[in-house]
Amino acid sequence: MIAYQHIYHRFSRREILDDISIELGHGEVVLLSGKNGSGNWTLLRIMAGLMKADSGEVEQNGMSTAIS
């Protein structure tokens, strides 16, 4: 299980992700959809480790890590 909790991210003054939380179980498949520019790609890049969120928390296998 991996959970992303209270994820925030902004580019310059524009807030892209505002208090986003998502939890994924082992083998679970999800669909992430939304309008262009709504932060879908940003969230996926954060989840893949290609980008760092401004703040939030990641929990994986019972271990929690704060993002600041």
PDB file of N, CA and C in Angstrom:
ATOM      1  N   MET A   1       0.836  -1.169   0.000  1.00  0.00           N
ATOM      2  CA  MET A   1       0.000   0.000   0.000  1.00  0.00           C
ATOM      3  C   MET A   1       0.890   1.244   0.000  1.00  0.00           C
ATOM      4  N   ILE A   2       0.483   2.217  -0.769  1.00  0.00           N
ATOM      5  CA  ILE A   2       1.162   3.508  -0.765  1.00  0.00           C
ATOM      6  C   ILE A   2       0.090   4.593  -0.725  1.00  0.00           C
ATOM      7  N   ALA A   3       0.327   5.592   0.099  1.00  0.00           N
ATOM      8  CA  ALA A   3      -0.650   6.675   0.245  1.00  0.00           C
ATOM      9  C   ALA A   3       0.071   8.018   0.158  1.00  0.00           C
ATOM     10  N   TYR A   4      -0.512   8.915  -0.600  1.00  0.00           N
ATOM     11  CA  TYR A   4      -0.045  10.299  -0.691  1.00  0.00           C
ATOM     12  C   TYR A   4      -1.107  11.135  -0.008  1.00  0.00           C
ATOM     13  N   GLN A   5      -0.708  11.885   1.020  1.00  0.00           N
ATOM     14  CA  GLN A   5      -1.686  12.617   1.813  1.00  0.00           C
ATOM     15  C   GLN A   5      -1.358  14.099   1.867  1.00  0.00           C
ATOM     16  N   HIS A   6      -2.384  14.907   1.666  1.00  0.00           N
ATOM     17  CA  HIS A   6      -2.295  16.369   1.777  1.00  0.00           C
ATOM     18  C   HIS A   6      -1.164  16.934   0.903  1.00  0.00           C
ATOM     19  N   ILE A   7      -1.153  16.533  -0.361  1.00  0.00           N
ATOM     20  CA  ILE A   7      -0.130  16.970  -1.299  1.00  0.00           C
ATOM     21  C   ILE A   7      -0.466  18.363  -1.829  1.00  0.00           C
ATOM     22  N   TYR A   8       0.505  19.256  -1.747  1.00  0.00           N
ATOM     23  CA  TYR A   8       0.390  20.617  -2.265  1.00  0.00           C
ATOM     24  C   TYR A   8       1.539  20.865  -3.234  1.00  0.00           C
ATOM     25  N   HIS A   9       1.246  21.563  -4.321  1.00  0.00           N
ATOM     26  CA  HIS A   9       2.305  21.958  -5.253  1.00  0.00           C
ATOM     27  C   HIS A   9       1.858  23.192  -6.011  1.00  0.00           C
ATOM     28  N   ARG A  10       2.786  24.100  -6.211  1.00  0.00           N
ATOM     29  CA  ARG A  10       2.485  25.301  -6.985  1.00  0.00           C
ATOM     30  C   ARG A  10       3.628  25.616  -7.929  1.00  0.00           C
ATOM     31  N   PHE A  11       3.289  26.235  -9.036  1.00  0.00           N
ATOM     32  CA  PHE A  11       4.255  26.758  -9.986  1.00  0.00           C
ATOM     33  C   PHE A  11       4.133  28.276  -9.911  1.00  0.00           C
ATOM     34  N   SER A  12       5.214  28.934  -9.512  1.00  0.00           N
ATOM     35  CA  SER A  12       5.203  30.376  -9.288  1.00  0.00           C
ATOM     36  C   SER A  12       4.073  30.696  -8.315  1.00  0.00           C
ATOM     37  N   ARG A  13       3.115  31.483  -8.727  1.00  0.00           N
ATOM     38  CA  ARG A  13       2.003  31.834  -7.832  1.00  0.00           C
ATOM     39  C   ARG A  13       0.768  30.967  -8.054  1.00  0.00           C
ATOM     40  N   ARG A  14       0.809  30.103  -9.049  1.00  0.00           N
ATOM     41  CA  ARG A  14      -0.360  29.286  -9.388  1.00  0.00           C
ATOM     42  C   ARG A  14      -0.359  27.972  -8.621  1.00  0.00           C
ATOM     43  N   GLU A  15      -1.408  27.764  -7.829  1.00  0.00           N
ATOM     44  CA  GLU A  15      -1.543  26.533  -7.074  1.00  0.00           C
ATOM     45  C   GLU A  15      -2.065  25.438  -8.001  1.00  0.00           C
ATOM     46  N   ILE A  16      -1.293  24.370  -8.147  1.00  0.00           N
ATOM     47  CA  ILE A  16      -1.649  23.282  -9.053  1.00  0.00           C
ATOM     48  C   ILE A  16      -2.351  22.156  -8.288  1.00  0.00           C
ATOM     49  N   LEU A  17      -1.762  21.728  -7.174  1.00  0.00           N
ATOM     50  CA  LEU A  17      -2.350  20.688  -6.335  1.00  0.00           C
ATOM     51  C   LEU A  17      -2.640  21.274  -4.959  1.00  0.00           C
ATOM     52  N   ASP A  18      -3.863  21.124  -4.503  1.00  0.00           N
ATOM     53  CA  ASP A  18      -4.284  21.718  -3.228  1.00  0.00           C
ATOM     54  C   ASP A  18      -4.936  20.639  -2.359  1.00  0.00           C
ATOM     55  N   ASP A  19      -4.165  20.091  -1.423  1.00  0.00           N
ATOM     56  CA  ASP A  19      -4.646  19.098  -0.465  1.00  0.00           C
ATOM     57  C   ASP A  19      -5.177  17.835  -1.154  1.00  0.00           C
ATOM     58  N   ILE A  20      -4.358  17.251  -2.012  1.00  0.00           N
ATOM     59  CA  ILE A  20      -4.709  16.030  -2.731  1.00  0.00           C
ATOM     60  C   ILE A  20      -4.260  14.807  -1.920  1.00  0.00           C
ATOM     61  N   SER A  21      -5.142  13.836  -1.775  1.00  0.00           N
ATOM     62  CA  SER A  21      -4.808  12.583  -1.096  1.00  0.00           C
ATOM     63  C   SER A  21      -5.275  11.417  -1.958  1.00  0.00           C
ATOM     64  N   ILE A  22      -4.428  10.381  -2.037  1.00  0.00           N
ATOM     65  CA  ILE A  22      -4.769   9.184  -2.810  1.00  0.00           C
ATOM     66  C   ILE A  22      -4.067   7.994  -2.165  1.00  0.00           C
ATOM     67  N   GLU A  23      -4.765   6.869  -2.106  1.00  0.00           N
ATOM     68  CA  GLU A  23      -4.211   5.648  -1.527  1.00  0.00           C
ATOM     69  C   GLU A  23      -4.366   4.526  -2.539  1.00  0.00           C
ATOM     70  N   LEU A  24      -3.277   3.804  -2.774  1.00  0.00           N
ATOM     71  CA  LEU A  24      -3.279   2.710  -3.737  1.00  0.00           C
ATOM     72  C   LEU A  24      -2.845   1.422  -3.050  1.00  0.00           C
ATOM     73  N   GLY A  25      -3.653   0.378  -3.212  1.00  0.00           N
ATOM     74  CA  GLY A  25      -3.319  -0.931  -2.669  1.00  0.00           C
ATOM     75  C   GLY A  25      -2.512  -1.740  -3.670  1.00  0.00           C
ATOM     76  N   HIS A  26      -1.902  -2.813  -3.204  1.00  0.00           N
ATOM     77  CA  HIS A  26      -1.087  -3.686  -4.054  1.00  0.00           C
ATOM     78  C   HIS A  26      -1.931  -4.227  -5.214  1.00  0.00           C
ATOM     79  N   GLY A  27      -1.477  -4.029  -6.429  1.00  0.00           N
ATOM     80  CA  GLY A  27      -2.139  -4.530  -7.616  1.00  0.00           C
ATOM     81  C   GLY A  27      -3.363  -3.728  -8.035  1.00  0.00           C
ATOM     82  N   GLU A  28      -3.648  -2.656  -7.345  1.00  0.00           N
ATOM     83  CA  GLU A  28      -4.820  -1.839  -7.663  1.00  0.00           C
ATOM     84  C   GLU A  28      -4.565  -0.981  -8.898  1.00  0.00           C
ATOM     85  N   VAL A  29      -5.583  -0.835  -9.717  1.00  0.00           N
ATOM     86  CA  VAL A  29      -5.513  -0.006 -10.918  1.00  0.00           C
ATOM     87  C   VAL A  29      -6.487   1.151 -10.739  1.00  0.00           C
ATOM     88  N   VAL A  30      -6.024   2.354 -11.038  1.00  0.00           N
ATOM     89  CA  VAL A  30      -6.890   3.533 -10.916  1.00  0.00           C
ATOM     90  C   VAL A  30      -6.838   4.343 -12.201  1.00  0.00           C
ATOM     91  N   LEU A  31      -7.834   5.170 -12.386  1.00  0.00           N
ATOM     92  CA  LEU A  31      -7.896   6.081 -13.509  1.00  0.00           C
ATOM     93  C   LEU A  31      -7.847   7.495 -12.957  1.00  0.00           C
ATOM     94  N   LEU A  32      -6.918   8.268 -13.445  1.00  0.00           N
ATOM     95  CA  LEU A  32      -6.790   9.665 -13.053  1.00  0.00           C
ATOM     96  C   LEU A  32      -7.223  10.506 -14.247  1.00  0.00           C
ATOM     97  N   SER A  33      -8.277  11.270 -14.076  1.00  0.00           N
ATOM     98  CA  SER A  33      -8.762  12.072 -15.194  1.00  0.00           C
ATOM     99  C   SER A  33      -9.127  13.470 -14.716  1.00  0.00           C
ATOM    100  N   GLY A  34      -9.138  14.384 -15.654  1.00  0.00           N
ATOM    101  CA  GLY A  34      -9.493  15.765 -15.370  1.00  0.00           C
ATOM    102  C   GLY A  34      -9.184  16.627 -16.577  1.00  0.00           C
ATOM    103  N   LYS A  35      -9.568  17.868 -16.500  1.00  0.00           N
ATOM    104  CA  LYS A  35      -9.330  18.801 -17.594  1.00  0.00           C
ATOM    105  C   LYS A  35      -7.837  19.076 -17.750  1.00  0.00           C
ATOM    106  N   ASN A  36      -7.438  19.492 -18.948  1.00  0.00           N
ATOM    107  CA  ASN A  36      -6.054  19.909 -19.176  1.00  0.00           C
ATOM    108  C   ASN A  36      -5.713  21.038 -18.215  1.00  0.00           C
ATOM    109  N   GLY A  37      -4.521  20.964 -17.632  1.00  0.00           N
ATOM    110  CA  GLY A  37      -4.069  22.005 -16.723  1.00  0.00           C
ATOM    111  C   GLY A  37      -4.578  21.865 -15.301  1.00  0.00           C
ATOM    112  N   SER A  38      -5.242  20.738 -14.985  1.00  0.00           N
ATOM    113  CA  SER A  38      -5.802  20.574 -13.645  1.00  0.00           C
ATOM    114  C   SER A  38      -4.845  19.893 -12.666  1.00  0.00           C
ATOM    115  N   GLY A  39      -3.653  19.502 -13.120  1.00  0.00           N
ATOM    116  CA  GLY A  39      -2.656  18.915 -12.224  1.00  0.00           C
ATOM    117  C   GLY A  39      -2.484  17.415 -12.346  1.00  0.00           C
ATOM    118  N   ASN A  40      -3.148  16.784 -13.307  1.00  0.00           N
ATOM    119  CA  ASN A  40      -3.019  15.327 -13.471  1.00  0.00           C
ATOM    120  C   ASN A  40      -1.568  14.909 -13.679  1.00  0.00           C
ATOM    121  N   TRP A  41      -0.922  15.525 -14.646  1.00  0.00           N
ATOM    122  CA  TRP A  41       0.449  15.172 -14.993  1.00  0.00           C
ATOM    123  C   TRP A  41       1.391  15.492 -13.838  1.00  0.00           C
ATOM    124  N   THR A  42       1.157  16.597 -13.154  1.00  0.00           N
ATOM    125  CA  THR A  42       1.985  16.974 -12.002  1.00  0.00           C
ATOM    126  C   THR A  42       1.883  15.923 -10.912  1.00  0.00           C
ATOM    127  N   LEU A  43       0.674  15.471 -10.596  1.00  0.00           N
ATOM    128  CA  LEU A  43       0.495  14.436  -9.579  1.00  0.00           C
ATOM    129  C   LEU A  43       1.194  13.143  -9.984  1.00  0.00           C
ATOM    130  N   LEU A  44       1.056  12.735 -11.232  1.00  0.00           N
ATOM    131  CA  LEU A  44       1.725  11.516 -11.693  1.00  0.00           C
ATOM    132  C   LEU A  44       3.246  11.635 -11.603  1.00  0.00           C
ATOM    133  N   ARG A  45       3.781  12.800 -11.946  1.00  0.00           N
ATOM    134  CA  ARG A  45       5.230  13.003 -11.854  1.00  0.00           C
ATOM    135  C   ARG A  45       5.703  12.952 -10.401  1.00  0.00           C
ATOM    136  N   ILE A  46       4.923  13.492  -9.480  1.00  0.00           N
ATOM    137  CA  ILE A  46       5.257  13.422  -8.057  1.00  0.00           C
ATOM    138  C   ILE A  46       5.221  11.969  -7.592  1.00  0.00           C
ATOM    139  N   MET A  47       4.190  11.236  -7.984  1.00  0.00           N
ATOM    140  CA  MET A  47       4.061   9.836  -7.575  1.00  0.00           C
ATOM    141  C   MET A  47       5.186   8.969  -8.149  1.00  0.00           C
ATOM    142  N   ALA A  48       5.688   9.321  -9.333  1.00  0.00           N
ATOM    143  CA  ALA A  48       6.785   8.564  -9.960  1.00  0.00           C
ATOM    144  C   ALA A  48       8.149   8.979  -9.418  1.00  0.00           C
ATOM    145  N   GLY A  49       8.189  10.017  -8.595  1.00  0.00           N
ATOM    146  CA  GLY A  49       9.456  10.481  -8.040  1.00  0.00           C
ATOM    147  C   GLY A  49      10.234  11.392  -8.969  1.00  0.00           C
ATOM    148  N   LEU A  50       9.591  11.877 -10.033  1.00  0.00           N
ATOM    149  CA  LEU A  50      10.263  12.756 -10.989  1.00  0.00           C
ATOM    150  C   LEU A  50      10.167  14.221 -10.592  1.00  0.00           C
ATOM    151  N   MET A  51       9.292  14.518  -9.632  1.00  0.00           N
ATOM    152  CA  MET A  51       9.085  15.884  -9.179  1.00  0.00           C
ATOM    153  C   MET A  51       8.786  15.813  -7.683  1.00  0.00           C
ATOM    154  N   LYS A  52       9.162  16.829  -6.945  1.00  0.00           N
ATOM    155  CA  LYS A  52       8.914  16.863  -5.511  1.00  0.00           C
ATOM    156  C   LYS A  52       7.769  17.819  -5.210  1.00  0.00           C
ATOM    157  N   ALA A  53       6.828  17.370  -4.386  1.00  0.00           N
ATOM    158  CA  ALA A  53       5.726  18.229  -3.963  1.00  0.00           C
ATOM    159  C   ALA A  53       6.256  19.287  -3.004  1.00  0.00           C
ATOM    160  N   ASP A  54       5.528  20.392  -2.877  1.00  0.00           N
ATOM    161  CA  ASP A  54       5.916  21.438  -1.937  1.00  0.00           C
ATOM    162  C   ASP A  54       5.699  20.992  -0.495  1.00  0.00           C
ATOM    163  N   SER A  55       4.645  20.238  -0.252  1.00  0.00           N
ATOM    164  CA  SER A  55       4.400  19.697   1.086  1.00  0.00           C
ATOM    165  C   SER A  55       3.425  18.533   0.981  1.00  0.00           C
ATOM    166  N   GLY A  56       3.359  17.759   2.044  1.00  0.00           N
ATOM    167  CA  GLY A  56       2.479  16.601   2.108  1.00  0.00           C
ATOM    168  C   GLY A  56       3.174  15.462   2.825  1.00  0.00           C
ATOM    169  N   GLU A  57       2.635  14.268   2.646  1.00  0.00           N
ATOM    170  CA  GLU A  57       3.177  13.097   3.325  1.00  0.00           C
ATOM    171  C   GLU A  57       3.000  11.868   2.439  1.00  0.00           C
ATOM    172  N   VAL A  58       3.999  11.010   2.425  1.00  0.00           N
ATOM    173  CA  VAL A  58       3.930   9.751   1.674  1.00  0.00           C
ATOM    174  C   VAL A  58       4.071   8.620   2.691  1.00  0.00           C
ATOM    175  N   GLU A  59       3.153   7.665   2.640  1.00  0.00           N
ATOM    176  CA  GLU A  59       3.215   6.495   3.508  1.00  0.00           C
ATOM    177  C   GLU A  59       3.307   5.255   2.640  1.00  0.00           C
ATOM    178  N   GLN A  60       4.347   4.449   2.885  1.00  0.00           N
ATOM    179  CA  GLN A  60       4.549   3.232   2.117  1.00  0.00           C
ATOM    180  C   GLN A  60       4.895   2.115   3.062  1.00  0.00           C
ATOM    181  N   ASN A  61       4.123   1.021   3.013  1.00  0.00           N
ATOM    182  CA  ASN A  61       4.353  -0.147   3.866  1.00  0.00           C
ATOM    183  C   ASN A  61       4.471   0.217   5.334  1.00  0.00           C
ATOM    184  N   GLY A  62       3.613   1.119   5.790  1.00  0.00           N
ATOM    185  CA  GLY A  62       3.586   1.504   7.210  1.00  0.00           C
ATOM    186  C   GLY A  62       4.594   2.552   7.612  1.00  0.00           C
ATOM    187  N   MET A  63       5.488   2.954   6.714  1.00  0.00           N
ATOM    188  CA  MET A  63       6.484   3.975   7.035  1.00  0.00           C
ATOM    189  C   MET A  63       6.065   5.294   6.397  1.00  0.00           C
ATOM    190  N   SER A  64       6.054   6.348   7.204  1.00  0.00           N
ATOM    191  CA  SER A  64       5.586   7.643   6.752  1.00  0.00           C
ATOM    192  C   SER A  64       6.765   8.608   6.579  1.00  0.00           C
ATOM    193  N   THR A  65       6.735   9.389   5.497  1.00  0.00           N
ATOM    194  CA  THR A  65       7.766  10.377   5.227  1.00  0.00           C
ATOM    195  C   THR A  65       7.082  11.700   4.904  1.00  0.00           C
ATOM    196  N   ALA A  66       7.463  12.741   5.645  1.00  0.00           N
ATOM    197  CA  ALA A  66       6.900  14.078   5.403  1.00  0.00           C
ATOM    198  C   ALA A  66       7.632  14.747   4.260  1.00  0.00           C
ATOM    199  N   ILE A  67       6.897  15.488   3.457  1.00  0.00           N
ATOM    200  CA  ILE A  67       7.464  16.281   2.367  1.00  0.00           C
ATOM    201  C   ILE A  67       7.392  17.735   2.801  1.00  0.00           C
ATOM    202  N   SER A  68       8.511  18.408   2.748  1.00  0.00           N
ATOM    203  CA  SER A  68       8.478  19.834   3.116  1.00  0.00           C
ATOM    204  C   SER A  68       9.401  20.635   2.244  1.00  0.00           C
TER     205      SER A  68
END
